[in-house]
């Protein structure tokens, strides 16, 4: 039985007979110019609890000092910068598929965040945010007498 693969009509490089020629013979610097012009994004996961939101964001290769988090109402904005660090100055680059530069991601949550009680930790390239919901934003249950 054959394995089925999902077809992506927007990724036609697999069907391009010249793609392997370009990949094999063109230097990395020129190949990077031929990549699709899409900016890197921060992959996130958002979970909701009764009193808080839990956000995990993947930021591999970014130092803790190069991450900026801002909270305004119900919007959380993540800014990060990855810097290119050459290991050896005399070495020629053979292959580079990593991204360098600044990246931003904004998340709008359904309820406002209590900025003063928000917490952030950064472990192994993953940023974890605990964002408590503002008490005035929580729904109140009324008892019927």
C-alpha atoms as a PDB file:
ATOM      1  CA  UNK A   1       0.000   0.000   0.000  1.00  0.00           C
ATOM      2  CA  UNK A   2       1.275   3.464  -0.819  1.00  0.00           C
ATOM      3  CA  UNK A   3       1.753   6.207   1.722  1.00  0.00           C
ATOM      4  CA  UNK A   4      -0.391   9.255   1.136  1.00  0.00           C
ATOM      5  CA  UNK A   5       1.092  12.720   1.378  1.00  0.00           C
ATOM      6  CA  UNK A   6      -0.843  15.942   1.755  1.00  0.00           C
ATOM      7  CA  UNK A   7      -0.555  18.129  -1.335  1.00  0.00           C
ATOM      8  CA  UNK A   8       0.166  21.796  -0.782  1.00  0.00           C
ATOM      9  CA  UNK A   9      -0.678  23.740  -3.969  1.00  0.00           C
ATOM     10  CA  UNK A  10       1.311  26.757  -2.745  1.00  0.00           C
ATOM     11  CA  UNK A  11       4.548  24.794  -2.258  1.00  0.00           C
ATOM     12  CA  UNK A  12       5.564  23.901  -5.772  1.00  0.00           C
ATOM     13  CA  UNK A  13       9.314  23.501  -5.153  1.00  0.00           C
ATOM     14  CA  UNK A  14       8.946  19.714  -5.038  1.00  0.00           C
ATOM     15  CA  UNK A  15       7.609  19.773  -8.575  1.00  0.00           C
ATOM     16  CA  UNK A  16      10.199  22.218  -9.908  1.00  0.00           C
ATOM     17  CA  UNK A  17      12.881  20.271 -11.815  1.00  0.00           C
ATOM     18  CA  UNK A  18      15.356  23.151 -11.505  1.00  0.00           C
ATOM     19  CA  UNK A  19      15.020  23.513  -7.731  1.00  0.00           C
ATOM     20  CA  UNK A  20      17.601  20.779  -7.074  1.00  0.00           C
ATOM     21  CA  UNK A  21      19.995  22.366  -9.581  1.00  0.00           C
ATOM     22  CA  UNK A  22      19.703  25.702  -7.802  1.00  0.00           C
ATOM     23  CA  UNK A  23      20.111  24.045  -4.401  1.00  0.00           C
ATOM     24  CA  UNK A  24      23.198  22.075  -5.424  1.00  0.00           C
ATOM     25  CA  UNK A  25      25.138  24.656  -7.394  1.00  0.00           C
ATOM     26  CA  UNK A  26      24.176  28.079  -6.091  1.00  0.00           C
ATOM     27  CA  UNK A  27      25.927  29.522  -3.031  1.00  0.00           C
ATOM     28  CA  UNK A  28      23.905  29.910   0.159  1.00  0.00           C
ATOM     29  CA  UNK A  29      23.857  33.696  -0.012  1.00  0.00           C
ATOM     30  CA  UNK A  30      22.094  33.653  -3.382  1.00  0.00           C
ATOM     31  CA  UNK A  31      19.725  30.854  -2.324  1.00  0.00           C
ATOM     32  CA  UNK A  32      18.597  32.868   0.687  1.00  0.00           C
ATOM     33  CA  UNK A  33      17.519  35.633  -1.706  1.00  0.00           C
ATOM     34  CA  UNK A  34      15.347  33.148  -3.606  1.00  0.00           C
ATOM     35  CA  UNK A  35      13.452  31.987  -0.515  1.00  0.00           C
ATOM     36  CA  UNK A  36       9.830  33.050  -0.258  1.00  0.00           C
ATOM     37  CA  UNK A  37       9.593  36.481   1.286  1.00  0.00           C
ATOM     38  CA  UNK A  38       7.799  35.453   4.442  1.00  0.00           C
ATOM     39  CA  UNK A  39       8.813  36.814   7.780  1.00  0.00           C
ATOM     40  CA  UNK A  40       9.369  34.299  10.552  1.00  0.00           C
ATOM     41  CA  UNK A  41       6.606  34.086  13.117  1.00  0.00           C
ATOM     42  CA  UNK A  42       6.534  33.122  16.762  1.00  0.00           C
ATOM     43  CA  UNK A  43       4.693  29.831  17.200  1.00  0.00           C
ATOM     44  CA  UNK A  44       2.348  30.073  20.189  1.00  0.00           C
ATOM     45  CA  UNK A  45      -0.044  27.970  22.233  1.00  0.00           C
ATOM     46  CA  UNK A  46      -2.746  29.649  24.333  1.00  0.00           C
ATOM     47  CA  UNK A  47      -4.744  27.866  27.013  1.00  0.00           C
ATOM     48  CA  UNK A  48      -7.512  29.347  29.154  1.00  0.00           C
ATOM     49  CA  UNK A  49      -8.174  28.592  32.803  1.00  0.00           C
ATOM     50  CA  UNK A  50     -10.947  30.061  34.966  1.00  0.00           C
ATOM     51  CA  UNK A  51      -8.763  32.896  36.258  1.00  0.00           C
ATOM     52  CA  UNK A  52      -5.826  33.134  33.804  1.00  0.00           C
ATOM     53  CA  UNK A  53      -4.459  32.518  30.322  1.00  0.00           C
ATOM     54  CA  UNK A  54      -1.376  30.357  29.813  1.00  0.00           C
ATOM     55  CA  UNK A  55       0.714  31.248  26.774  1.00  0.00           C
ATOM     56  CA  UNK A  56       3.714  29.300  25.475  1.00  0.00           C
ATOM     57  CA  UNK A  57       5.817  30.823  22.700  1.00  0.00           C
ATOM     58  CA  UNK A  58       8.696  29.146  20.867  1.00  0.00           C
ATOM     59  CA  UNK A  59      11.749  31.403  20.588  1.00  0.00           C
ATOM     60  CA  UNK A  60      14.692  29.093  19.841  1.00  0.00           C
ATOM     61  CA  UNK A  61      18.103  30.725  19.754  1.00  0.00           C
ATOM     62  CA  UNK A  62      16.902  33.956  21.376  1.00  0.00           C
ATOM     63  CA  UNK A  63      18.545  35.172  24.582  1.00  0.00           C
ATOM     64  CA  UNK A  64      16.333  36.115  27.517  1.00  0.00           C
ATOM     65  CA  UNK A  65      17.653  39.690  27.402  1.00  0.00           C
ATOM     66  CA  UNK A  66      16.464  40.048  23.781  1.00  0.00           C
ATOM     67  CA  UNK A  67      12.796  39.335  24.563  1.00  0.00           C
ATOM     68  CA  UNK A  68      10.341  42.141  25.290  1.00  0.00           C
ATOM     69  CA  UNK A  69       6.778  41.536  26.503  1.00  0.00           C
ATOM     70  CA  UNK A  70       4.153  44.275  26.716  1.00  0.00           C
ATOM     71  CA  UNK A  71       0.557  44.029  27.916  1.00  0.00           C
ATOM     72  CA  UNK A  72      -2.096  46.602  27.063  1.00  0.00           C
ATOM     73  CA  UNK A  73      -5.631  45.724  28.134  1.00  0.00           C
ATOM     74  CA  UNK A  74      -6.356  42.384  26.491  1.00  0.00           C
ATOM     75  CA  UNK A  75      -3.463  42.514  24.005  1.00  0.00           C
ATOM     76  CA  UNK A  76      -0.088  40.871  24.617  1.00  0.00           C
ATOM     77  CA  UNK A  77       2.818  41.743  22.315  1.00  0.00           C
ATOM     78  CA  UNK A  78       6.006  39.700  22.105  1.00  0.00           C
ATOM     79  CA  UNK A  79       9.137  41.214  20.548  1.00  0.00           C
ATOM     80  CA  UNK A  80      12.300  39.173  20.109  1.00  0.00           C
ATOM     81  CA  UNK A  81      15.606  39.545  18.350  1.00  0.00           C
ATOM     82  CA  UNK A  82      17.964  36.792  17.270  1.00  0.00           C
ATOM     83  CA  UNK A  83      21.482  37.926  16.481  1.00  0.00           C
ATOM     84  CA  UNK A  84      23.819  36.272  13.984  1.00  0.00           C
ATOM     85  CA  UNK A  85      26.933  35.090  15.797  1.00  0.00           C
ATOM     86  CA  UNK A  86      29.685  33.682  13.646  1.00  0.00           C
ATOM     87  CA  UNK A  87      31.715  30.980  15.384  1.00  0.00           C
ATOM     88  CA  UNK A  88      34.838  31.436  13.285  1.00  0.00           C
ATOM     89  CA  UNK A  89      35.499  34.650  11.367  1.00  0.00           C
ATOM     90  CA  UNK A  90      37.552  32.935   8.657  1.00  0.00           C
ATOM     91  CA  UNK A  91      34.943  30.235   7.991  1.00  0.00           C
ATOM     92  CA  UNK A  92      32.775  30.391   4.865  1.00  0.00           C
ATOM     93  CA  UNK A  93      29.096  29.755   5.307  1.00  0.00           C
ATOM     94  CA  UNK A  94      28.127  26.470   3.691  1.00  0.00           C
ATOM     95  CA  UNK A  95      24.471  26.309   4.702  1.00  0.00           C
ATOM     96  CA  UNK A  96      22.245  28.636   6.721  1.00  0.00           C
ATOM     97  CA  UNK A  97      18.554  27.961   7.290  1.00  0.00           C
ATOM     98  CA  UNK A  98      18.239  29.930  10.526  1.00  0.00           C
ATOM     99  CA  UNK A  99      16.612  33.338  10.777  1.00  0.00           C
ATOM    100  CA  UNK A 100      18.186  36.398  12.331  1.00  0.00           C
ATOM    101  CA  UNK A 101      16.616  39.698  13.145  1.00  0.00           C
ATOM    102  CA  UNK A 102      13.553  41.030  14.909  1.00  0.00           C
ATOM    103  CA  UNK A 103      10.198  39.317  15.087  1.00  0.00           C
ATOM    104  CA  UNK A 104       6.915  40.477  16.654  1.00  0.00           C
ATOM    105  CA  UNK A 105       3.708  38.670  17.560  1.00  0.00           C
ATOM    106  CA  UNK A 106       0.557  40.194  19.078  1.00  0.00           C
ATOM    107  CA  UNK A 107      -2.205  38.168  20.690  1.00  0.00           C
ATOM    108  CA  UNK A 108      -5.649  39.523  21.476  1.00  0.00           C
ATOM    109  CA  UNK A 109      -7.326  37.687  24.334  1.00  0.00           C
ATOM    110  CA  UNK A 110     -11.062  37.768  25.103  1.00  0.00           C
ATOM    111  CA  UNK A 111     -10.613  39.445  28.537  1.00  0.00           C
ATOM    112  CA  UNK A 112      -8.269  42.098  29.934  1.00  0.00           C
ATOM    113  CA  UNK A 113      -5.091  41.053  31.745  1.00  0.00           C
ATOM    114  CA  UNK A 114      -3.980  42.041  35.249  1.00  0.00           C
ATOM    115  CA  UNK A 115      -0.545  43.376  34.242  1.00  0.00           C
ATOM    116  CA  UNK A 116       0.837  43.624  37.775  1.00  0.00           C
ATOM    117  CA  UNK A 117       0.344  39.907  38.468  1.00  0.00           C
ATOM    118  CA  UNK A 118       1.512  38.577  35.091  1.00  0.00           C
ATOM    119  CA  UNK A 119       4.494  36.207  35.179  1.00  0.00           C
ATOM    120  CA  UNK A 120       7.006  35.097  32.541  1.00  0.00           C
ATOM    121  CA  UNK A 121       9.620  32.323  32.494  1.00  0.00           C
ATOM    122  CA  UNK A 122      11.986  31.325  29.687  1.00  0.00           C
ATOM    123  CA  UNK A 123      13.335  27.769  29.625  1.00  0.00           C
ATOM    124  CA  UNK A 124      15.002  25.899  26.744  1.00  0.00           C
ATOM    125  CA  UNK A 125      13.850  28.317  24.042  1.00  0.00           C
ATOM    126  CA  UNK A 126      10.215  28.385  25.168  1.00  0.00           C
ATOM    127  CA  UNK A 127       8.649  31.445  26.796  1.00  0.00           C
ATOM    128  CA  UNK A 128       5.869  30.654  29.290  1.00  0.00           C
ATOM    129  CA  UNK A 129       3.447  33.417  30.296  1.00  0.00           C
ATOM    130  CA  UNK A 130       0.857  33.271  33.057  1.00  0.00           C
ATOM    131  CA  UNK A 131      -1.604  36.085  32.430  1.00  0.00           C
ATOM    132  CA  UNK A 132      -4.237  36.500  35.174  1.00  0.00           C
ATOM    133  CA  UNK A 133      -7.599  37.832  34.069  1.00  0.00           C
ATOM    134  CA  UNK A 134      -8.597  41.220  35.456  1.00  0.00           C
ATOM    135  CA  UNK A 135     -11.214  40.800  38.199  1.00  0.00           C
ATOM    136  CA  UNK A 136     -13.472  43.446  36.668  1.00  0.00           C
ATOM    137  CA  UNK A 137     -13.532  41.454  33.398  1.00  0.00           C
ATOM    138  CA  UNK A 138     -14.695  38.184  34.963  1.00  0.00           C
ATOM    139  CA  UNK A 139     -18.365  37.343  34.669  1.00  0.00           C
ATOM    140  CA  UNK A 140     -20.314  37.411  37.912  1.00  0.00           C
ATOM    141  CA  UNK A 141     -22.868  34.763  38.713  1.00  0.00           C
ATOM    142  CA  UNK A 142     -26.068  35.948  40.277  1.00  0.00           C
ATOM    143  CA  UNK A 143     -28.086  33.737  42.537  1.00  0.00           C
ATOM    144  CA  UNK A 144     -31.807  33.785  42.103  1.00  0.00           C
ATOM    145  CA  UNK A 145     -33.691  34.242  45.401  1.00  0.00           C
END
